């Protein structure tokens, strides 16, 4: 019998899971400010949601005792980072690192959601 080989397995879409204190407030931020749509929720009261925009998906889980972090929760690519950055600035999103060209071949910036989850956004240059 042959051993299983991970190289024969194709990986599909991956979606980051974010812990948030107030799931309704987090949903409002990602939907109203960043254009995501809620496509699924679970629990009574709701404790889990799936948000989607184009190919991007975020899974929100409510955690009442949330510890803040200074690491990025996830990275996402966009096709027009200048416009995305301008929208974030116009809507008062907390920018952690300003938009700039990086030596690793991306134009990127980092923002924080209302719970302090940091999101690194990039566009290949």
PDB file of N, CA and C in Angstrom:
ATOM      1  N   UNK A   1       0.854  -1.178   0.000  1.00  0.00           N
ATOM      2  CA  UNK A   1       0.000   0.000   0.000  1.00  0.00           C
ATOM      3  C   UNK A   1       0.898   1.238   0.000  1.00  0.00           C
ATOM      4  N   UNK A   2       0.608   2.167  -0.876  1.00  0.00           N
ATOM      5  CA  UNK A   2       1.447   3.364  -0.973  1.00  0.00           C
ATOM      6  C   UNK A   2       1.042   4.392   0.084  1.00  0.00           C
ATOM      7  N   UNK A   3       2.005   5.230   0.417  1.00  0.00           N
ATOM      8  CA  UNK A   3       1.771   6.300   1.395  1.00  0.00           C
ATOM      9  C   UNK A   3       1.025   7.451   0.734  1.00  0.00           C
ATOM     10  N   UNK A   4       0.133   8.133   1.447  1.00  0.00           N
ATOM     11  CA  UNK A   4      -0.543   9.294   0.873  1.00  0.00           C
ATOM     12  C   UNK A   4       0.475  10.405   0.597  1.00  0.00           C
ATOM     13  N   UNK A   5       0.252  11.157  -0.481  1.00  0.00           N
ATOM     14  CA  UNK A   5       1.177  12.205  -0.907  1.00  0.00           C
ATOM     15  C   UNK A   5       0.442  13.536  -0.971  1.00  0.00           C
ATOM     16  N   UNK A   6       0.848  14.486  -0.150  1.00  0.00           N
ATOM     17  CA  UNK A   6       0.183  15.798  -0.106  1.00  0.00           C
ATOM     18  C   UNK A   6       0.244  16.510  -1.444  1.00  0.00           C
ATOM     19  N   UNK A   7       1.233  16.198  -2.262  1.00  0.00           N
ATOM     20  CA  UNK A   7       1.388  16.857  -3.558  1.00  0.00           C
ATOM     21  C   UNK A   7       0.306  16.463  -4.561  1.00  0.00           C
ATOM     22  N   UNK A   8      -0.478  15.447  -4.248  1.00  0.00           N
ATOM     23  CA  UNK A   8      -1.575  15.052  -5.130  1.00  0.00           C
ATOM     24  C   UNK A   8      -2.879  15.757  -4.768  1.00  0.00           C
ATOM     25  N   UNK A   9      -2.875  16.532  -3.694  1.00  0.00           N
ATOM     26  CA  UNK A   9      -4.069  17.233  -3.222  1.00  0.00           C
ATOM     27  C   UNK A   9      -4.056  18.669  -3.736  1.00  0.00           C
ATOM     28  N   UNK A  10      -5.144  19.083  -4.388  1.00  0.00           N
ATOM     29  CA  UNK A  10      -5.285  20.460  -4.860  1.00  0.00           C
ATOM     30  C   UNK A  10      -6.040  21.259  -3.812  1.00  0.00           C
ATOM     31  N   UNK A  11      -5.472  22.393  -3.421  1.00  0.00           N
ATOM     32  CA  UNK A  11      -6.117  23.254  -2.437  1.00  0.00           C
ATOM     33  C   UNK A  11      -7.057  24.219  -3.151  1.00  0.00           C
ATOM     34  N   UNK A  12      -8.164  24.536  -2.537  1.00  0.00           N
ATOM     35  CA  UNK A  12      -9.131  25.489  -3.074  1.00  0.00           C
ATOM     36  C   UNK A  12      -9.075  26.811  -2.325  1.00  0.00           C
ATOM     37  N   UNK A  13     -10.150  27.537  -2.385  1.00  0.00           N
ATOM     38  CA  UNK A  13     -10.282  28.833  -1.746  1.00  0.00           C
ATOM     39  C   UNK A  13      -9.974  28.726  -0.263  1.00  0.00           C
ATOM     40  N   UNK A  14      -9.300  29.739   0.267  1.00  0.00           N
ATOM     41  CA  UNK A  14      -9.069  29.832   1.702  1.00  0.00           C
ATOM     42  C   UNK A  14      -9.694  31.134   2.186  1.00  0.00           C
ATOM     43  N   UNK A  15     -10.315  31.100   3.328  1.00  0.00           N
ATOM     44  CA  UNK A  15     -10.977  32.288   3.855  1.00  0.00           C
ATOM     45  C   UNK A  15     -10.480  32.549   5.273  1.00  0.00           C
ATOM     46  N   UNK A  16     -10.021  33.773   5.547  1.00  0.00           N
ATOM     47  CA  UNK A  16      -9.554  34.069   6.898  1.00  0.00           C
ATOM     48  C   UNK A  16     -10.707  34.115   7.884  1.00  0.00           C
ATOM     49  N   UNK A  17     -10.429  33.661   9.097  1.00  0.00           N
ATOM     50  CA  UNK A  17     -11.388  33.763  10.187  1.00  0.00           C
ATOM     51  C   UNK A  17     -10.953  34.891  11.108  1.00  0.00           C
ATOM     52  N   UNK A  18     -11.856  35.828  11.365  1.00  0.00           N
ATOM     53  CA  UNK A  18     -11.561  36.949  12.252  1.00  0.00           C
ATOM     54  C   UNK A  18     -12.410  36.864  13.507  1.00  0.00           C
ATOM     55  N   UNK A  19     -11.775  37.070  14.644  1.00  0.00           N
ATOM     56  CA  UNK A  19     -12.499  37.164  15.906  1.00  0.00           C
ATOM     57  C   UNK A  19     -12.868  38.623  16.125  1.00  0.00           C
ATOM     58  N   UNK A  20     -14.127  38.851  16.504  1.00  0.00           N
ATOM     59  CA  UNK A  20     -14.628  40.210  16.726  1.00  0.00           C
ATOM     60  C   UNK A  20     -15.455  40.240  18.004  1.00  0.00           C
ATOM     61  N   UNK A  21     -15.461  41.397  18.679  1.00  0.00           N
ATOM     62  CA  UNK A  21     -16.251  41.537  19.917  1.00  0.00           C
ATOM     63  C   UNK A  21     -17.738  41.677  19.625  1.00  0.00           C
ATOM     64  N   UNK A  22     -18.073  42.469  18.611  1.00  0.00           N
ATOM     65  CA  UNK A  22     -19.464  42.747  18.249  1.00  0.00           C
ATOM     66  C   UNK A  22     -19.648  42.375  16.793  1.00  0.00           C
ATOM     67  N   UNK A  23     -20.242  41.219  16.543  1.00  0.00           N
ATOM     68  CA  UNK A  23     -20.335  40.696  15.186  1.00  0.00           C
ATOM     69  C   UNK A  23     -21.192  41.579  14.288  1.00  0.00           C
ATOM     70  N   UNK A  24     -22.231  42.206  14.846  1.00  0.00           N
ATOM     71  CA  UNK A  24     -23.083  43.088  14.033  1.00  0.00           C
ATOM     72  C   UNK A  24     -22.320  44.345  13.614  1.00  0.00           C
ATOM     73  N   UNK A  25     -21.530  44.912  14.525  1.00  0.00           N
ATOM     74  CA  UNK A  25     -20.725  46.094  14.196  1.00  0.00           C
ATOM     75  C   UNK A  25     -19.652  45.738  13.170  1.00  0.00           C
ATOM     76  N   UNK A  26     -19.036  44.569  13.314  1.00  0.00           N
ATOM     77  CA  UNK A  26     -18.025  44.134  12.348  1.00  0.00           C
ATOM     78  C   UNK A  26     -18.656  43.920  10.979  1.00  0.00           C
ATOM     79  N   UNK A  27     -19.835  43.325  10.950  1.00  0.00           N
ATOM     80  CA  UNK A  27     -20.547  43.123   9.690  1.00  0.00           C
ATOM     81  C   UNK A  27     -20.844  44.469   9.039  1.00  0.00           C
ATOM     82  N   UNK A  28     -21.303  45.430   9.818  1.00  0.00           N
ATOM     83  CA  UNK A  28     -21.594  46.764   9.278  1.00  0.00           C
ATOM     84  C   UNK A  28     -20.338  47.389   8.684  1.00  0.00           C
ATOM     85  N   UNK A  29     -19.201  47.269   9.375  1.00  0.00           N
ATOM     86  CA  UNK A  29     -17.953  47.834   8.866  1.00  0.00           C
ATOM     87  C   UNK A  29     -17.579  47.204   7.535  1.00  0.00           C
ATOM     88  N   UNK A  30     -17.489  45.886   7.495  1.00  0.00           N
ATOM     89  CA  UNK A  30     -17.036  45.224   6.269  1.00  0.00           C
ATOM     90  C   UNK A  30     -18.034  45.378   5.128  1.00  0.00           C
ATOM     91  N   UNK A  31     -19.328  45.441   5.427  1.00  0.00           N
ATOM     92  CA  UNK A  31     -20.339  45.566   4.372  1.00  0.00           C
ATOM     93  C   UNK A  31     -20.531  47.022   3.928  1.00  0.00           C
ATOM     94  N   UNK A  32     -20.762  47.914   4.874  1.00  0.00           N
ATOM     95  CA  UNK A  32     -21.055  49.296   4.516  1.00  0.00           C
ATOM     96  C   UNK A  32     -19.824  50.075   4.077  1.00  0.00           C
ATOM     97  N   UNK A  33     -18.694  49.814   4.696  1.00  0.00           N
ATOM     98  CA  UNK A  33     -17.482  50.568   4.377  1.00  0.00           C
ATOM     99  C   UNK A  33     -16.706  49.918   3.228  1.00  0.00           C
ATOM    100  N   UNK A  34     -16.575  48.582   3.247  1.00  0.00           N
ATOM    101  CA  UNK A  34     -15.712  47.910   2.283  1.00  0.00           C
ATOM    102  C   UNK A  34     -16.457  47.149   1.190  1.00  0.00           C
ATOM    103  N   UNK A  35     -17.770  47.136   1.232  1.00  0.00           N
ATOM    104  CA  UNK A  35     -18.544  46.572   0.133  1.00  0.00           C
ATOM    105  C   UNK A  35     -18.791  45.074   0.160  1.00  0.00           C
ATOM    106  N   UNK A  36     -18.502  44.405   1.269  1.00  0.00           N
ATOM    107  CA  UNK A  36     -18.801  42.976   1.381  1.00  0.00           C
ATOM    108  C   UNK A  36     -20.306  42.785   1.549  1.00  0.00           C
ATOM    109  N   UNK A  37     -20.766  41.552   1.337  1.00  0.00           N
ATOM    110  CA  UNK A  37     -22.159  41.183   1.586  1.00  0.00           C
ATOM    111  C   UNK A  37     -22.188  39.980   2.513  1.00  0.00           C
ATOM    112  N   UNK A  38     -23.131  39.999   3.444  1.00  0.00           N
ATOM    113  CA  UNK A  38     -23.303  38.832   4.315  1.00  0.00           C
ATOM    114  C   UNK A  38     -24.003  37.748   3.501  1.00  0.00           C
ATOM    115  N   UNK A  39     -23.404  36.549   3.455  1.00  0.00           N
ATOM    116  CA  UNK A  39     -23.987  35.442   2.699  1.00  0.00           C
ATOM    117  C   UNK A  39     -24.422  34.288   3.602  1.00  0.00           C
ATOM    118  N   UNK A  40     -24.036  34.350   4.885  1.00  0.00           N
ATOM    119  CA  UNK A  40     -24.403  33.281   5.808  1.00  0.00           C
ATOM    120  C   UNK A  40     -24.251  33.782   7.228  1.00  0.00           C
ATOM    121  N   UNK A  41     -25.163  33.350   8.112  1.00  0.00           N
ATOM    122  CA  UNK A  41     -25.004  33.585   9.546  1.00  0.00           C
ATOM    123  C   UNK A  41     -25.521  32.377  10.288  1.00  0.00           C
ATOM    124  N   UNK A  42     -25.004  32.197  11.520  1.00  0.00           N
ATOM    125  CA  UNK A  42     -25.377  31.026  12.296  1.00  0.00           C
ATOM    126  C   UNK A  42     -25.441  31.398  13.766  1.00  0.00           C
ATOM    127  N   UNK A  43     -26.404  30.797  14.466  1.00  0.00           N
ATOM    128  CA  UNK A  43     -26.537  30.973  15.904  1.00  0.00           C
ATOM    129  C   UNK A  43     -27.688  31.879  16.274  1.00  0.00           C
ATOM    130  N   UNK A  44     -28.128  31.729  17.511  1.00  0.00           N
ATOM    131  CA  UNK A  44     -29.175  32.589  18.049  1.00  0.00           C
ATOM    132  C   UNK A  44     -28.839  32.852  19.506  1.00  0.00           C
ATOM    133  N   UNK A  45     -28.192  33.961  19.814  1.00  0.00           N
ATOM    134  CA  UNK A  45     -27.878  35.056  18.897  1.00  0.00           C
ATOM    135  C   UNK A  45     -26.764  34.668  17.922  1.00  0.00           C
ATOM    136  N   UNK A  46     -26.668  35.435  16.842  1.00  0.00           N
ATOM    137  CA  UNK A  46     -25.681  35.159  15.795  1.00  0.00           C
ATOM    138  C   UNK A  46     -24.275  35.244  16.374  1.00  0.00           C
ATOM    139  N   UNK A  47     -23.486  34.200  16.123  1.00  0.00           N
ATOM    140  CA  UNK A  47     -22.110  34.177  16.601  1.00  0.00           C
ATOM    141  C   UNK A  47     -21.106  33.916  15.492  1.00  0.00           C
ATOM    142  N   UNK A  48     -21.623  33.665  14.275  1.00  0.00           N
ATOM    143  CA  UNK A  48     -20.744  33.379  13.138  1.00  0.00           C
ATOM    144  C   UNK A  48     -21.386  33.928  11.873  1.00  0.00           C
ATOM    145  N   UNK A  49     -20.565  34.549  11.012  1.00  0.00           N
ATOM    146  CA  UNK A  49     -21.032  35.078   9.725  1.00  0.00           C
ATOM    147  C   UNK A  49     -19.983  34.836   8.656  1.00  0.00           C
ATOM    148  N   UNK A  50     -20.466  34.711   7.435  1.00  0.00           N
ATOM    149  CA  UNK A  50     -19.595  34.672   6.264  1.00  0.00           C
ATOM    150  C   UNK A  50     -19.918  35.906   5.429  1.00  0.00           C
ATOM    151  N   UNK A  51     -18.886  36.675   5.109  1.00  0.00           N
ATOM    152  CA  UNK A  51     -19.016  37.856   4.262  1.00  0.00           C
ATOM    153  C   UNK A  51     -18.254  37.602   2.978  1.00  0.00           C
ATOM    154  N   UNK A  52     -18.770  38.122   1.861  1.00  0.00           N
ATOM    155  CA  UNK A  52     -18.139  37.861   0.566  1.00  0.00           C
ATOM    156  C   UNK A  52     -18.178  39.112  -0.296  1.00  0.00           C
ATOM    157  N   UNK A  53     -17.088  39.334  -1.014  1.00  0.00           N
ATOM    158  CA  UNK A  53     -17.011  40.363  -2.062  1.00  0.00           C
ATOM    159  C   UNK A  53     -16.131  39.800  -3.154  1.00  0.00           C
ATOM    160  N   UNK A  54     -16.703  39.634  -4.329  1.00  0.00           N
ATOM    161  CA  UNK A  54     -15.976  39.042  -5.454  1.00  0.00           C
ATOM    162  C   UNK A  54     -15.396  37.697  -5.011  1.00  0.00           C
ATOM    163  N   UNK A  55     -14.088  37.485  -5.137  1.00  0.00           N
ATOM    164  CA  UNK A  55     -13.489  36.208  -4.741  1.00  0.00           C
ATOM    165  C   UNK A  55     -13.059  36.201  -3.279  1.00  0.00           C
ATOM    166  N   UNK A  56     -13.149  37.337  -2.614  1.00  0.00           N
ATOM    167  CA  UNK A  56     -12.717  37.440  -1.208  1.00  0.00           C
ATOM    168  C   UNK A  56     -13.841  37.011  -0.274  1.00  0.00           C
ATOM    169  N   UNK A  57     -13.469  36.310   0.781  1.00  0.00           N
ATOM    170  CA  UNK A  57     -14.430  35.859   1.782  1.00  0.00           C
ATOM    171  C   UNK A  57     -13.800  36.032   3.157  1.00  0.00           C
ATOM    172  N   UNK A  58     -14.597  36.461   4.118  1.00  0.00           N
ATOM    173  CA  UNK A  58     -14.155  36.634   5.500  1.00  0.00           C
ATOM    174  C   UNK A  58     -15.149  35.908   6.391  1.00  0.00           C
ATOM    175  N   UNK A  59     -14.648  35.142   7.361  1.00  0.00           N
ATOM    176  CA  UNK A  59     -15.499  34.463   8.332  1.00  0.00           C
ATOM    177  C   UNK A  59     -15.350  35.174   9.672  1.00  0.00           C
ATOM    178  N   UNK A  60     -16.439  35.719  10.178  1.00  0.00           N
ATOM    179  CA  UNK A  60     -16.440  36.433  11.456  1.00  0.00           C
ATOM    180  C   UNK A  60     -16.947  35.517  12.558  1.00  0.00           C
ATOM    181  N   UNK A  61     -16.251  35.511  13.686  1.00  0.00           N
ATOM    182  CA  UNK A  61     -16.700  34.777  14.874  1.00  0.00           C
ATOM    183  C   UNK A  61     -16.714  35.746  16.049  1.00  0.00           C
ATOM    184  N   UNK A  62     -17.818  35.765  16.764  1.00  0.00           N
ATOM    185  CA  UNK A  62     -17.922  36.663  17.912  1.00  0.00           C
ATOM    186  C   UNK A  62     -17.191  36.065  19.105  1.00  0.00           C
ATOM    187  N   UNK A  63     -16.303  36.864  19.672  1.00  0.00           N
ATOM    188  CA  UNK A  63     -15.532  36.486  20.857  1.00  0.00           C
ATOM    189  C   UNK A  63     -15.587  37.688  21.794  1.00  0.00           C
ATOM    190  N   UNK A  64     -16.334  37.573  22.864  1.00  0.00           N
ATOM    191  CA  UNK A  64     -16.558  38.723  23.754  1.00  0.00           C
ATOM    192  C   UNK A  64     -15.275  39.235  24.402  1.00  0.00           C
ATOM    193  N   UNK A  65     -14.388  38.343  24.798  1.00  0.00           N
ATOM    194  CA  UNK A  65     -13.122  38.730  25.443  1.00  0.00           C
ATOM    195  C   UNK A  65     -12.012  38.651  24.401  1.00  0.00           C
ATOM    196  N   UNK A  66     -11.894  39.677  23.615  1.00  0.00           N
ATOM    197  CA  UNK A  66     -10.961  39.685  22.491  1.00  0.00           C
ATOM    198  C   UNK A  66      -9.671  40.392  22.858  1.00  0.00           C
ATOM    199  N   UNK A  67      -8.550  39.740  22.643  1.00  0.00           N
ATOM    200  CA  UNK A  67      -7.245  40.354  22.890  1.00  0.00           C
ATOM    201  C   UNK A  67      -6.762  41.001  21.601  1.00  0.00           C
ATOM    202  N   UNK A  68      -6.315  42.241  21.694  1.00  0.00           N
ATOM    203  CA  UNK A  68      -5.795  42.954  20.521  1.00  0.00           C
ATOM    204  C   UNK A  68      -4.441  42.384  20.127  1.00  0.00           C
ATOM    205  N   UNK A  69      -4.116  42.547  18.849  1.00  0.00           N
ATOM    206  CA  UNK A  69      -2.847  42.057  18.333  1.00  0.00           C
ATOM    207  C   UNK A  69      -2.208  43.115  17.435  1.00  0.00           C
ATOM    208  N   UNK A  70      -0.925  43.013  17.254  1.00  0.00           N
ATOM    209  CA  UNK A  70      -0.227  43.930  16.351  1.00  0.00           C
ATOM    210  C   UNK A  70       0.252  43.211  15.099  1.00  0.00           C
ATOM    211  N   UNK A  71      -0.223  41.989  14.891  1.00  0.00           N
ATOM    212  CA  UNK A  71       0.127  41.261  13.676  1.00  0.00           C
ATOM    213  C   UNK A  71      -1.038  41.341  12.687  1.00  0.00           C
ATOM    214  N   UNK A  72      -0.728  41.176  11.417  1.00  0.00           N
ATOM    215  CA  UNK A  72      -1.771  41.215  10.395  1.00  0.00           C
ATOM    216  C   UNK A  72      -2.617  39.950  10.462  1.00  0.00           C
ATOM    217  N   UNK A  73      -3.936  40.135  10.427  1.00  0.00           N
ATOM    218  CA  UNK A  73      -4.862  39.003  10.470  1.00  0.00           C
ATOM    219  C   UNK A  73      -4.888  38.272   9.137  1.00  0.00           C
ATOM    220  N   UNK A  74      -4.794  39.027   8.046  1.00  0.00           N
ATOM    221  CA  UNK A  74      -4.745  38.413   6.727  1.00  0.00           C
ATOM    222  C   UNK A  74      -4.299  39.431   5.689  1.00  0.00           C
ATOM    223  N   UNK A  75      -3.995  38.916   4.495  1.00  0.00           N
ATOM    224  CA  UNK A  75      -3.579  39.736   3.365  1.00  0.00           C
ATOM    225  C   UNK A  75      -4.589  39.527   2.255  1.00  0.00           C
ATOM    226  N   UNK A  76      -4.950  40.616   1.572  1.00  0.00           N
ATOM    227  CA  UNK A  76      -5.828  40.453   0.423  1.00  0.00           C
ATOM    228  C   UNK A  76      -5.328  41.317  -0.720  1.00  0.00           C
ATOM    229  N   UNK A  77      -5.547  40.825  -1.930  1.00  0.00           N
ATOM    230  CA  UNK A  77      -5.170  41.554  -3.131  1.00  0.00           C
ATOM    231  C   UNK A  77      -6.389  42.260  -3.708  1.00  0.00           C
ATOM    232  N   UNK A  78      -6.172  43.444  -4.258  1.00  0.00           N
ATOM    233  CA  UNK A  78      -7.201  44.181  -4.978  1.00  0.00           C
ATOM    234  C   UNK A  78      -6.618  44.594  -6.329  1.00  0.00           C
ATOM    235  N   UNK A  79      -7.501  44.969  -7.261  1.00  0.00           N
ATOM    236  CA  UNK A  79      -7.001  45.334  -8.586  1.00  0.00           C
ATOM    237  C   UNK A  79      -6.826  46.838  -8.772  1.00  0.00           C
ATOM    238  N   UNK A  80      -7.260  47.647  -7.785  1.00  0.00           N
ATOM    239  CA  UNK A  80      -7.090  49.103  -7.859  1.00  0.00           C
ATOM    240  C   UNK A  80      -6.843  49.623  -6.447  1.00  0.00           C
ATOM    241  N   UNK A  81      -5.613  49.480  -6.002  1.00  0.00           N
ATOM    242  CA  UNK A  81      -5.291  49.813  -4.611  1.00  0.00           C
ATOM    243  C   UNK A  81      -5.408  51.305  -4.319  1.00  0.00           C
ATOM    244  N   UNK A  82      -5.139  52.161  -5.307  1.00  0.00           N
ATOM    245  CA  UNK A  82      -5.241  53.602  -5.080  1.00  0.00           C
ATOM    246  C   UNK A  82      -6.680  53.990  -4.741  1.00  0.00           C
ATOM    247  N   UNK A  83      -7.639  53.435  -5.464  1.00  0.00           N
ATOM    248  CA  UNK A  83      -9.048  53.719  -5.181  1.00  0.00           C
ATOM    249  C   UNK A  83      -9.459  53.124  -3.846  1.00  0.00           C
ATOM    250  N   UNK A  84      -9.041  51.890  -3.575  1.00  0.00           N
ATOM    251  CA  UNK A  84      -9.383  51.248  -2.302  1.00  0.00           C
ATOM    252  C   UNK A  84      -8.836  52.057  -1.125  1.00  0.00           C
ATOM    253  N   UNK A  85      -7.612  52.518  -1.247  1.00  0.00           N
ATOM    254  CA  UNK A  85      -6.992  53.339  -0.199  1.00  0.00           C
ATOM    255  C   UNK A  85      -7.757  54.646  -0.021  1.00  0.00           C
ATOM    256  N   UNK A  86      -8.135  55.285  -1.130  1.00  0.00           N
ATOM    257  CA  UNK A  86      -8.890  56.544  -1.067  1.00  0.00           C
ATOM    258  C   UNK A  86     -10.243  56.342  -0.390  1.00  0.00           C
ATOM    259  N   UNK A  87     -10.912  55.225  -0.675  1.00  0.00           N
ATOM    260  CA  UNK A  87     -12.191  54.918  -0.022  1.00  0.00           C
ATOM    261  C   UNK A  87     -11.979  54.754   1.476  1.00  0.00           C
ATOM    262  N   UNK A  88     -10.952  54.024   1.860  1.00  0.00           N
ATOM    263  CA  UNK A  88     -10.665  53.823   3.286  1.00  0.00           C
ATOM    264  C   UNK A  88     -10.413  55.163   3.981  1.00  0.00           C
ATOM    265  N   UNK A  89      -9.608  56.010   3.366  1.00  0.00           N
ATOM    266  CA  UNK A  89      -9.339  57.328   3.950  1.00  0.00           C
ATOM    267  C   UNK A  89     -10.623  58.148   4.062  1.00  0.00           C
ATOM    268  N   UNK A  90     -11.416  58.177   3.001  1.00  0.00           N
ATOM    269  CA  UNK A  90     -12.644  58.973   2.981  1.00  0.00           C
ATOM    270  C   UNK A  90     -13.659  58.501   4.015  1.00  0.00           C
ATOM    271  N   UNK A  91     -13.659  57.200   4.311  1.00  0.00           N
ATOM    272  CA  UNK A  91     -14.631  56.643   5.253  1.00  0.00           C
ATOM    273  C   UNK A  91     -14.078  56.552   6.669  1.00  0.00           C
ATOM    274  N   UNK A  92     -12.888  57.105   6.897  1.00  0.00           N
ATOM    275  CA  UNK A  92     -12.343  57.175   8.245  1.00  0.00           C
ATOM    276  C   UNK A  92     -11.789  55.873   8.783  1.00  0.00           C
ATOM    277  N   UNK A  93     -11.429  54.952   7.906  1.00  0.00           N
ATOM    278  CA  UNK A  93     -10.822  53.687   8.336  1.00  0.00           C
ATOM    279  C   UNK A  93      -9.437  53.993   8.918  1.00  0.00           C
ATOM    280  N   UNK A  94      -9.113  53.346  10.030  1.00  0.00           N
ATOM    281  CA  UNK A  94      -7.807  53.578  10.660  1.00  0.00           C
ATOM    282  C   UNK A  94      -6.710  52.927   9.821  1.00  0.00           C
ATOM    283  N   UNK A  95      -5.855  53.771   9.253  1.00  0.00           N
ATOM    284  CA  UNK A  95      -4.729  53.310   8.450  1.00  0.00           C
ATOM    285  C   UNK A  95      -3.541  53.091   9.386  1.00  0.00           C
ATOM    286  N   UNK A  96      -3.014  51.889   9.402  1.00  0.00           N
ATOM    287  CA  UNK A  96      -1.893  51.536  10.272  1.00  0.00           C
ATOM    288  C   UNK A  96      -0.563  51.807   9.564  1.00  0.00           C
ATOM    289  N   UNK A  97      -0.488  51.446   8.291  1.00  0.00           N
ATOM    290  CA  UNK A  97       0.697  51.712   7.461  1.00  0.00           C
ATOM    291  C   UNK A  97       0.206  52.310   6.155  1.00  0.00           C
ATOM    292  N   UNK A  98       0.743  53.458   5.785  1.00  0.00           N
ATOM    293  CA  UNK A  98       0.308  54.174   4.588  1.00  0.00           C
ATOM    294  C   UNK A  98       0.660  53.426   3.310  1.00  0.00           C
ATOM    295  N   UNK A  99      -0.043  53.780   2.260  1.00  0.00           N
ATOM    296  CA  UNK A  99       0.166  53.192   0.946  1.00  0.00           C
ATOM    297  C   UNK A  99       1.551  53.537   0.417  1.00  0.00           C
ATOM    298  N   UNK A 100       2.291  52.504   0.007  1.00  0.00           N
ATOM    299  CA  UNK A 100       3.593  52.744  -0.617  1.00  0.00           C
ATOM    300  C   UNK A 100       4.028  51.512  -1.381  1.00  0.00           C
ATOM    301  N   UNK A 101       4.942  51.732  -2.318  1.00  0.00           N
ATOM    302  CA  UNK A 101       5.519  50.630  -3.072  1.00  0.00           C
ATOM    303  C   UNK A 101       6.508  49.896  -2.179  1.00  0.00           C
ATOM    304  N   UNK A 102       6.380  48.576  -2.158  1.00  0.00           N
ATOM    305  CA  UNK A 102       7.236  47.747  -1.320  1.00  0.00           C
ATOM    306  C   UNK A 102       8.305  47.076  -2.168  1.00  0.00           C
ATOM    307  N   UNK A 103       9.426  46.726  -1.553  1.00  0.00           N
ATOM    308  CA  UNK A 103      10.514  46.087  -2.291  1.00  0.00           C
ATOM    309  C   UNK A 103      10.194  44.651  -2.700  1.00  0.00           C
ATOM    310  N   UNK A 104       9.086  44.103  -2.233  1.00  0.00           N
ATOM    311  CA  UNK A 104       8.698  42.754  -2.617  1.00  0.00           C
ATOM    312  C   UNK A 104       7.713  42.735  -3.788  1.00  0.00           C
ATOM    313  N   UNK A 105       7.602  43.887  -4.490  1.00  0.00           N
ATOM    314  CA  UNK A 105       6.835  43.925  -5.727  1.00  0.00           C
ATOM    315  C   UNK A 105       5.362  44.204  -5.592  1.00  0.00           C
ATOM    316  N   UNK A 106       4.968  44.807  -4.473  1.00  0.00           N
ATOM    317  CA  UNK A 106       3.569  45.185  -4.289  1.00  0.00           C
ATOM    318  C   UNK A 106       3.468  46.638  -3.859  1.00  0.00           C
ATOM    319  N   UNK A 107       2.374  47.242  -4.207  1.00  0.00           N
ATOM    320  CA  UNK A 107       1.971  48.516  -3.621  1.00  0.00           C
ATOM    321  C   UNK A 107       0.996  48.104  -2.531  1.00  0.00           C
ATOM    322  N   UNK A 108       1.236  48.546  -1.295  1.00  0.00           N
ATOM    323  CA  UNK A 108       0.469  47.981  -0.189  1.00  0.00           C
ATOM    324  C   UNK A 108       0.242  48.997   0.927  1.00  0.00           C
ATOM    325  N   UNK A 109      -0.765  48.689   1.747  1.00  0.00           N
ATOM    326  CA  UNK A 109      -1.017  49.422   2.986  1.00  0.00           C
ATOM    327  C   UNK A 109      -1.702  48.482   3.960  1.00  0.00           C
ATOM    328  N   UNK A 110      -1.764  48.895   5.219  1.00  0.00           N
ATOM    329  CA  UNK A 110      -2.409  48.101   6.262  1.00  0.00           C
ATOM    330  C   UNK A 110      -3.452  48.974   6.948  1.00  0.00           C
ATOM    331  N   UNK A 111      -4.663  48.421   7.118  1.00  0.00           N
ATOM    332  CA  UNK A 111      -5.694  49.107   7.890  1.00  0.00           C
ATOM    333  C   UNK A 111      -6.126  48.217   9.045  1.00  0.00           C
ATOM    334  N   UNK A 112      -6.818  48.825  10.013  1.00  0.00           N
ATOM    335  CA  UNK A 112      -7.372  48.067  11.141  1.00  0.00           C
ATOM    336  C   UNK A 112      -8.879  48.212  11.150  1.00  0.00           C
ATOM    337  N   UNK A 113      -9.569  47.110  11.397  1.00  0.00           N
ATOM    338  CA  UNK A 113     -11.026  47.176  11.530  1.00  0.00           C
ATOM    339  C   UNK A 113     -11.366  47.677  12.939  1.00  0.00           C
ATOM    340  N   UNK A 114     -12.635  47.879  13.263  1.00  0.00           N
ATOM    341  CA  UNK A 114     -12.994  48.409  14.584  1.00  0.00           C
ATOM    342  C   UNK A 114     -12.509  47.572  15.764  1.00  0.00           C
ATOM    343  N   UNK A 115     -12.250  46.279  15.555  1.00  0.00           N
ATOM    344  CA  UNK A 115     -11.737  45.421  16.625  1.00  0.00           C
ATOM    345  C   UNK A 115     -10.222  45.384  16.673  1.00  0.00           C
ATOM    346  N   UNK A 116      -9.577  46.133  15.783  1.00  0.00           N
ATOM    347  CA  UNK A 116      -8.123  46.155  15.753  1.00  0.00           C
ATOM    348  C   UNK A 116      -7.498  45.088  14.890  1.00  0.00           C
ATOM    349  N   UNK A 117      -8.318  44.260  14.221  1.00  0.00           N
ATOM    350  CA  UNK A 117      -7.766  43.280  13.284  1.00  0.00           C
ATOM    351  C   UNK A 117      -7.101  44.019  12.140  1.00  0.00           C
ATOM    352  N   UNK A 118      -5.835  43.729  11.909  1.00  0.00           N
ATOM    353  CA  UNK A 118      -5.077  44.408  10.845  1.00  0.00           C
ATOM    354  C   UNK A 118      -5.179  43.623   9.547  1.00  0.00           C
ATOM    355  N   UNK A 119      -5.452  44.353   8.477  1.00  0.00           N
ATOM    356  CA  UNK A 119      -5.580  43.734   7.159  1.00  0.00           C
ATOM    357  C   UNK A 119      -4.566  44.394   6.239  1.00  0.00           C
ATOM    358  N   UNK A 120      -3.702  43.574   5.668  1.00  0.00           N
ATOM    359  CA  UNK A 120      -2.669  44.019   4.732  1.00  0.00           C
ATOM    360  C   UNK A 120      -3.272  43.901   3.329  1.00  0.00           C
ATOM    361  N   UNK A 121      -3.313  45.016   2.605  1.00  0.00           N
ATOM    362  CA  UNK A 121      -3.918  45.048   1.277  1.00  0.00           C
ATOM    363  C   UNK A 121      -2.828  45.348   0.264  1.00  0.00           C
ATOM    364  N   UNK A 122      -2.808  44.599  -0.832  1.00  0.00           N
ATOM    365  CA  UNK A 122      -1.761  44.813  -1.818  1.00  0.00           C
ATOM    366  C   UNK A 122      -2.241  44.668  -3.246  1.00  0.00           C
ATOM    367  N   UNK A 123      -1.438  45.244  -4.136  1.00  0.00           N
ATOM    368  CA  UNK A 123      -1.612  45.083  -5.576  1.00  0.00           C
ATOM    369  C   UNK A 123      -0.230  44.879  -6.168  1.00  0.00           C
ATOM    370  N   UNK A 124      -0.093  43.866  -6.991  1.00  0.00           N
ATOM    371  CA  UNK A 124       1.201  43.616  -7.632  1.00  0.00           C
ATOM    372  C   UNK A 124       1.558  44.757  -8.565  1.00  0.00           C
ATOM    373  N   UNK A 125       2.839  45.137  -8.577  1.00  0.00           N
ATOM    374  CA  UNK A 125       3.286  46.199  -9.476  1.00  0.00           C
ATOM    375  C   UNK A 125       4.325  45.656 -10.443  1.00  0.00           C
TER     376      UNK A 125
END
